[in-house]
Amino acid sequence: MAEGTVAVLAGGLSHEREVSLRSGRRLSVALRDQGLMVREWDTDAGLLDRLRQEKPDAAVIALHGGEGENGSVQTVLEMLGVPFVGTSSRGCRKAWDKPIAKALIENAGFATPEWVALPHSTFRELGAQPVLDAMVERLGLPLILKPDQGGSALGAQVVRDAADLPAAMVGCFAYGDTVLAERFVDGVEVAVAVVERDGGPQALPPVEIVPEGGVYDYTARYTAGLTDFFAPARLSDDEADAVRELAVRAHSLLGLRDISRTDAIVAEDGTVHFLEVNSSPGLTETSTVPMAFEAAGSSLGEVFADLVQRAVVRGS
């Protein structure tokens, strides 16, 4: 595969464009170090022409948010017959919608924080304050608000006082038309990468996340020094086994492929709560997936070079 050409797709027009570009640059360097010929392409109006004219042996999607995770770019690659690393368009759609993913995981017998998902129109038509009052009555405080779609914790906020809810809702609606409100669960936050190998999907060592400010928001994720990471996470053997099982099951239940990252909370009583799953996880210098690779004795380039080879063999 050393003579093959790989197109790394990054950038795009989502709120997560800058993070995607960082992931794409780092991945491109790592793949070149493995001997692959890499083209870095932005996902703009010229993408389809480039794909048709240059015909890469495979593509790697390093897009975060929007078209990179909701199945849109995957659908285009499938239509053009371009092999690619990552989840199919159908699997992406299930993982992209957080309430759907939570419902599927909960139906499989795993714990997830109690939640409600409400579109902006509900607050407009029924009155914001009565709906907020009902939300607090159902979920209690504190709770966490986040857009029902999207990543990088954009728009996510922890609300501890009911008086802060209206402003938090406005901030959340800036990133989507529907808000997912979850009961806040205190505990150890972990991210678990899953990589597919010949023996099937395998969970890598969990990475523990300890943000300086207590909330793993966008700034804490992508600003060096604002979050401490422990790889592997400081969990008991039983807890570590439980989070790995959850990640592998989420990967399979949602129809994900090649690589994914499951985010979870291990509560004080040891219960593992599913938060969300990402079909196109970040690969920046502060992202947890490359940390998991290193904890497993591998590297970003080695893992993705293998996934590229799998995609080429698999075909479109």
Protein backbone atom coordinates (compact mmCIF):
# COMPACT_ATOMS: atom_id res chain seq x y z
CA MET A 1 0.00 0.00 0.00
CA ALA A 2 3.04 2.30 0.26
CA GLU A 3 2.61 3.28 -3.39
CA GLY A 4 -1.10 4.09 -2.99
CA THR A 5 -2.67 7.51 -2.72
CA VAL A 6 -4.79 8.49 0.26
CA ALA A 7 -7.04 11.53 0.33
CA VAL A 8 -7.43 13.02 3.81
CA LEU A 9 -10.67 14.98 3.88
CA ALA A 10 -10.73 17.78 6.46
CA GLY A 11 -12.02 21.30 7.03
CA GLY A 12 -15.54 21.71 5.78
CA LEU A 13 -17.95 24.42 6.86
CA SER A 14 -19.16 23.19 10.25
CA HIS A 15 -18.51 24.94 13.58
CA GLU A 16 -15.71 22.42 14.05
CA ARG A 17 -13.74 23.40 10.93
CA GLU A 18 -10.56 24.46 12.75
CA VAL A 19 -10.47 21.29 14.84
CA SER A 20 -10.98 19.23 11.70
CA LEU A 21 -8.08 20.96 9.95
CA ARG A 22 -5.84 20.22 12.94
CA SER A 23 -6.88 16.57 12.90
CA GLY A 24 -6.31 16.37 9.14
CA ARG A 25 -2.83 17.88 9.28
CA ARG A 26 -1.72 15.59 12.08
CA LEU A 27 -3.15 12.52 10.38
CA SER A 28 -1.54 13.42 7.06
CA VAL A 29 1.90 13.68 8.65
CA ALA A 30 1.38 10.35 10.45
CA LEU A 31 0.34 8.56 7.25
CA ARG A 32 3.27 10.00 5.28
CA ASP A 33 5.58 8.68 7.97
CA GLN A 34 4.14 5.24 7.14
CA GLY A 35 5.14 5.64 3.50
CA LEU A 36 1.76 6.58 2.03
CA MET A 37 1.22 9.27 -0.56
CA VAL A 38 -1.23 11.71 1.01
CA ARG A 39 -3.38 14.45 -0.47
CA GLU A 40 -5.04 16.87 1.94
CA TRP A 41 -8.36 18.05 0.54
CA ASP A 42 -10.88 20.47 1.96
CA THR A 43 -14.51 19.45 1.58
CA ASP A 44 -15.62 22.29 -0.64
CA ALA A 45 -17.35 22.61 -4.01
CA GLY A 46 -14.29 21.22 -5.79
CA LEU A 47 -14.16 17.95 -3.87
CA LEU A 48 -16.18 15.80 -6.28
CA ASP A 49 -14.09 16.89 -9.27
CA ARG A 50 -10.89 16.09 -7.39
CA LEU A 51 -12.20 12.68 -6.39
CA ARG A 52 -13.18 11.88 -9.99
CA GLN A 53 -10.01 13.20 -11.60
CA GLU A 54 -7.36 12.02 -9.13
CA LYS A 55 -9.14 8.83 -8.03
CA PRO A 56 -7.41 8.10 -4.70
CA ASP A 57 -7.06 4.50 -3.62
CA ALA A 58 -8.87 5.42 -0.42
CA ALA A 59 -10.11 8.41 1.55
CA VAL A 60 -9.87 9.08 5.26
CA ILE A 61 -12.51 11.33 6.76
CA ALA A 62 -11.04 13.71 9.32
CA LEU A 63 -14.15 15.88 9.39
CA HIS A 64 -15.87 16.76 12.65
CA GLY A 65 -19.46 17.91 12.85
CA GLY A 66 -21.93 18.51 10.05
CA GLU A 67 -21.39 16.68 6.77
CA GLY A 68 -18.41 14.76 8.13
CA GLU A 69 -20.41 12.94 10.79
CA ASN A 70 -24.04 13.00 9.67
CA GLY A 71 -23.45 10.69 6.72
CA SER A 72 -23.44 13.28 3.93
CA VAL A 73 -19.80 13.00 2.82
CA GLN A 74 -19.95 9.24 3.34
CA THR A 75 -22.93 9.06 0.97
CA VAL A 76 -20.99 10.97 -1.70
CA LEU A 77 -18.01 8.62 -1.38
CA GLU A 78 -20.33 5.63 -1.59
CA MET A 79 -21.98 7.02 -4.74
CA LEU A 80 -18.58 7.55 -6.37
CA GLY A 81 -17.30 4.15 -5.33
CA VAL A 82 -14.35 5.56 -3.34
CA PRO A 83 -13.22 3.27 -0.50
CA PHE A 84 -12.94 5.16 2.77
CA VAL A 85 -11.93 4.68 6.37
CA GLY A 86 -14.79 5.09 8.77
CA THR A 87 -18.45 4.35 9.28
CA SER A 88 -20.95 3.99 6.46
CA SER A 89 -23.52 6.71 5.86
CA ARG A 90 -26.27 4.74 7.60
CA GLY A 91 -24.24 4.13 10.74
CA CYS A 92 -23.18 7.78 10.86
CA ARG A 93 -26.79 8.93 10.93
CA LYS A 94 -27.57 6.83 14.00
CA ALA A 95 -24.49 7.97 15.93
CA TRP A 96 -24.95 11.61 14.90
CA ASP A 97 -28.36 11.90 16.53
CA LYS A 98 -27.62 11.74 20.26
CA PRO A 99 -31.17 10.91 21.46
CA ILE A 100 -31.43 8.04 18.95
CA ALA A 101 -28.02 6.70 20.00
CA LYS A 102 -28.93 6.94 23.70
CA ALA A 103 -32.25 5.16 23.12
CA LEU A 104 -30.60 2.30 21.23
CA ILE A 105 -27.93 1.86 23.90
CA GLU A 106 -30.50 2.04 26.70
CA ASN A 107 -32.71 -0.53 24.96
CA ALA A 108 -29.70 -2.86 24.89
CA GLY A 109 -29.56 -2.75 28.69
CA PHE A 110 -26.88 -0.13 29.34
CA ALA A 111 -27.27 2.88 31.62
CA THR A 112 -27.44 6.40 30.26
CA PRO A 113 -28.38 9.61 32.11
CA GLU A 114 -32.11 10.33 31.97
CA TRP A 115 -32.86 12.89 29.30
CA VAL A 116 -35.39 14.83 27.28
CA ALA A 117 -34.95 16.27 23.80
CA LEU A 118 -37.00 19.30 22.78
CA PRO A 119 -36.96 21.42 19.62
CA HIS A 120 -36.90 25.20 19.71
CA SER A 121 -40.48 25.30 18.43
CA THR A 122 -41.76 23.65 21.64
CA PHE A 123 -40.50 26.53 23.75
CA ARG A 124 -41.89 29.07 21.31
CA GLU A 125 -45.33 27.49 21.04
CA LEU A 126 -45.89 26.35 24.65
CA GLY A 127 -44.00 29.09 26.47
CA ALA A 128 -40.37 28.82 27.52
CA GLN A 129 -40.79 29.07 31.29
CA PRO A 130 -43.46 26.35 31.74
CA VAL A 131 -41.38 23.95 29.62
CA LEU A 132 -38.23 24.75 31.59
CA ASP A 133 -40.09 24.25 34.86
CA ALA A 134 -41.28 20.84 33.69
CA MET A 135 -37.73 19.96 32.61
CA VAL A 136 -36.32 20.73 36.05
CA GLU A 137 -39.17 18.86 37.72
CA ARG A 138 -38.41 15.78 35.61
CA LEU A 139 -34.59 15.80 35.59
CA GLY A 140 -33.68 17.82 38.65
CA LEU A 141 -30.56 19.96 38.99
CA PRO A 142 -27.80 20.07 38.04
CA LEU A 143 -28.32 19.07 34.44
CA ILE A 144 -26.33 19.39 31.26
CA LEU A 145 -27.62 20.95 28.06
CA LYS A 146 -26.20 20.13 24.65
CA PRO A 147 -27.32 20.25 21.01
CA ASP A 148 -28.88 16.94 19.98
CA GLN A 149 -26.38 16.79 17.12
CA GLY A 150 -22.79 17.93 16.79
CA GLY A 151 -19.56 17.42 18.67
CA SER A 152 -16.62 19.04 20.45
CA ALA A 153 -19.03 20.01 23.27
CA LEU A 154 -20.04 23.10 21.32
CA GLY A 155 -23.04 24.66 23.06
CA ALA A 156 -22.82 22.21 25.97
CA GLN A 157 -23.32 23.73 29.43
CA VAL A 158 -23.82 22.46 32.96
CA VAL A 159 -26.69 24.25 34.71
CA ARG A 160 -26.82 24.17 38.50
CA ASP A 161 -29.33 26.98 39.12
CA ALA A 162 -32.74 27.14 37.45
CA ALA A 163 -32.27 30.89 36.98
CA ASP A 164 -29.42 30.15 34.56
CA LEU A 165 -31.49 27.89 32.32
CA PRO A 166 -32.89 30.50 29.88
CA ALA A 167 -29.46 31.88 28.97
CA ALA A 168 -28.02 28.37 28.70
CA MET A 169 -30.83 27.37 26.34
CA VAL A 170 -30.14 30.35 24.11
CA GLY A 171 -26.47 29.39 23.95
CA CYS A 172 -27.34 25.82 23.10
CA PHE A 173 -29.81 26.77 20.37
CA ALA A 174 -27.03 28.71 18.65
CA TYR A 175 -25.65 25.32 17.56
CA GLY A 176 -28.84 23.45 16.71
CA ASP A 177 -32.62 23.48 16.64
CA THR A 178 -33.09 20.80 19.31
CA VAL A 179 -31.68 20.68 22.83
CA LEU A 180 -30.82 17.49 24.65
CA ALA A 181 -31.12 17.98 28.41
CA GLU A 182 -29.54 15.27 30.56
CA ARG A 183 -29.48 14.64 34.28
CA PHE A 184 -25.94 15.48 35.39
CA VAL A 185 -24.02 12.45 36.67
CA ASP A 186 -20.96 13.08 38.79
CA GLY A 187 -18.08 10.66 38.44
CA VAL A 188 -15.02 9.76 36.37
CA GLU A 189 -15.30 10.88 32.75
CA VAL A 190 -13.69 8.54 30.24
CA ALA A 191 -13.30 8.21 26.49
CA VAL A 192 -12.90 4.75 24.99
CA ALA A 193 -11.61 4.26 21.46
CA VAL A 194 -12.65 1.18 19.50
CA VAL A 195 -10.61 -0.03 16.52
CA GLU A 196 -11.54 -2.85 14.19
CA ARG A 197 -8.88 -5.48 13.62
CA ASP A 198 -8.97 -8.96 12.11
CA GLY A 199 -10.62 -10.29 15.26
CA GLY A 200 -13.36 -7.65 15.17
CA PRO A 201 -13.84 -4.41 17.13
CA GLN A 202 -11.47 -4.04 20.08
CA ALA A 203 -11.58 -1.42 22.82
CA LEU A 204 -8.32 0.36 23.59
CA PRO A 205 -7.32 1.47 27.11
CA PRO A 206 -9.86 4.02 28.45
CA VAL A 207 -8.60 7.57 28.78
CA GLU A 208 -9.63 9.48 31.90
CA ILE A 209 -10.49 13.16 31.46
CA VAL A 210 -10.00 15.68 34.29
CA PRO A 211 -10.74 19.24 33.09
CA GLU A 212 -9.27 22.04 35.17
CA GLY A 213 -12.59 23.89 35.34
CA GLY A 214 -14.63 20.77 36.04
CA VAL A 215 -16.42 20.78 32.67
CA TYR A 216 -14.94 19.21 29.53
CA ASP A 217 -16.14 21.94 27.16
CA TYR A 218 -14.73 23.12 23.82
CA THR A 219 -11.98 25.21 25.41
CA ALA A 220 -10.95 22.43 27.78
CA ARG A 221 -10.79 19.97 24.88
CA TYR A 222 -8.55 21.91 22.58
CA THR A 223 -6.40 24.16 24.78
CA ALA A 224 -3.25 22.45 25.98
CA GLY A 225 -2.86 22.49 29.77
CA LEU A 226 -6.53 23.00 30.67
CA THR A 227 -7.26 19.28 31.04
CA ASP A 228 -5.33 16.42 32.60
CA PHE A 229 -5.52 13.04 30.91
CA PHE A 230 -4.71 9.62 32.30
CA ALA A 231 -4.14 6.77 29.86
CA PRO A 232 -5.06 4.23 30.97
CA ALA A 233 -7.78 5.66 33.20
CA ARG A 234 -7.54 5.26 36.97
CA LEU A 235 -10.33 2.69 37.22
CA SER A 236 -10.72 -0.63 38.95
CA ASP A 237 -10.36 -3.71 36.75
CA ASP A 238 -14.13 -4.25 36.83
CA GLU A 239 -14.84 -0.63 35.89
CA ALA A 240 -12.30 -0.72 33.06
CA ASP A 241 -13.82 -3.94 31.73
CA ALA A 242 -17.30 -2.41 31.91
CA VAL A 243 -16.43 0.73 29.94
CA ARG A 244 -14.62 -1.31 27.31
CA GLU A 245 -17.64 -3.60 26.96
CA LEU A 246 -19.92 -0.59 26.59
CA ALA A 247 -17.72 0.93 23.88
CA VAL A 248 -17.53 -2.26 21.83
CA ARG A 249 -21.27 -2.85 22.15
CA ALA A 250 -22.06 0.75 21.17
CA HIS A 251 -19.78 0.40 18.15
CA SER A 252 -21.64 -2.73 17.07
CA LEU A 253 -25.19 -1.71 17.99
CA LEU A 254 -24.97 1.55 16.05
CA GLY A 255 -23.40 -0.08 13.01
CA LEU A 256 -20.10 1.78 13.25
CA ARG A 257 -17.02 0.74 11.30
CA ASP A 258 -13.22 0.91 11.56
CA ILE A 259 -12.93 3.36 14.45
CA SER A 260 -15.14 5.12 16.99
CA ARG A 261 -14.96 6.78 20.38
CA THR A 262 -17.50 6.31 23.15
CA ASP A 263 -17.78 8.86 25.95
CA ALA A 264 -19.00 7.69 29.35
CA ILE A 265 -19.17 8.52 33.04
CA VAL A 266 -18.29 6.03 35.76
CA ALA A 267 -20.47 7.06 38.73
CA GLU A 268 -19.36 6.76 42.34
CA ASP A 269 -21.33 3.51 42.72
CA GLY A 270 -19.46 2.01 39.76
CA THR A 271 -22.33 2.32 37.28
CA VAL A 272 -21.12 3.14 33.78
CA HIS A 273 -23.32 5.71 32.01
CA PHE A 274 -23.22 6.06 28.23
CA LEU A 275 -23.06 9.69 27.08
CA GLU A 276 -22.49 9.61 23.32
CA VAL A 277 -20.46 8.02 20.55
CA ASN A 278 -18.39 9.69 17.85
CA SER A 279 -17.91 8.10 14.43
CA SER A 280 -15.17 10.57 13.42
CA PRO A 281 -13.17 11.24 16.60
CA GLY A 282 -10.70 14.07 16.93
CA LEU A 283 -7.03 13.39 16.22
CA THR A 284 -5.44 16.62 17.48
CA GLU A 285 -2.61 16.92 19.98
CA THR A 286 -5.13 17.12 22.83
CA SER A 287 -7.54 14.44 21.54
CA THR A 288 -8.01 11.24 23.51
CA VAL A 289 -7.90 8.72 20.65
CA PRO A 290 -4.19 9.18 19.84
CA MET A 291 -3.51 8.92 23.59
CA ALA A 292 -5.32 5.58 23.60
CA PHE A 293 -3.20 4.39 20.66
CA GLU A 294 -0.03 5.17 22.60
CA ALA A 295 -1.34 3.51 25.75
CA ALA A 296 -1.95 0.39 23.65
CA GLY A 297 1.61 0.47 22.32
CA SER A 298 0.75 1.73 18.85
CA SER A 299 0.68 5.06 17.02
CA LEU A 300 -1.70 7.20 15.00
CA GLY A 301 0.10 6.40 11.75
CA GLU A 302 0.26 2.66 12.34
CA VAL A 303 -3.42 2.35 13.23
CA PHE A 304 -4.69 4.43 10.33
CA ALA A 305 -2.32 2.88 7.79
CA ASP A 306 -3.85 -0.46 8.73
CA LEU A 307 -7.37 0.96 8.46
CA VAL A 308 -6.54 2.38 5.02
CA GLN A 309 -5.39 -1.05 3.88
CA ARG A 310 -8.61 -2.58 5.22
CA ALA A 311 -10.67 0.02 3.34
CA VAL A 312 -8.83 -0.70 0.06
CA VAL A 313 -9.37 -4.44 0.43
CA ARG A 314 -13.01 -3.89 1.39
CA GLY A 315 -13.58 -1.59 -1.59
CA SER A 316 -16.51 0.81 -1.88
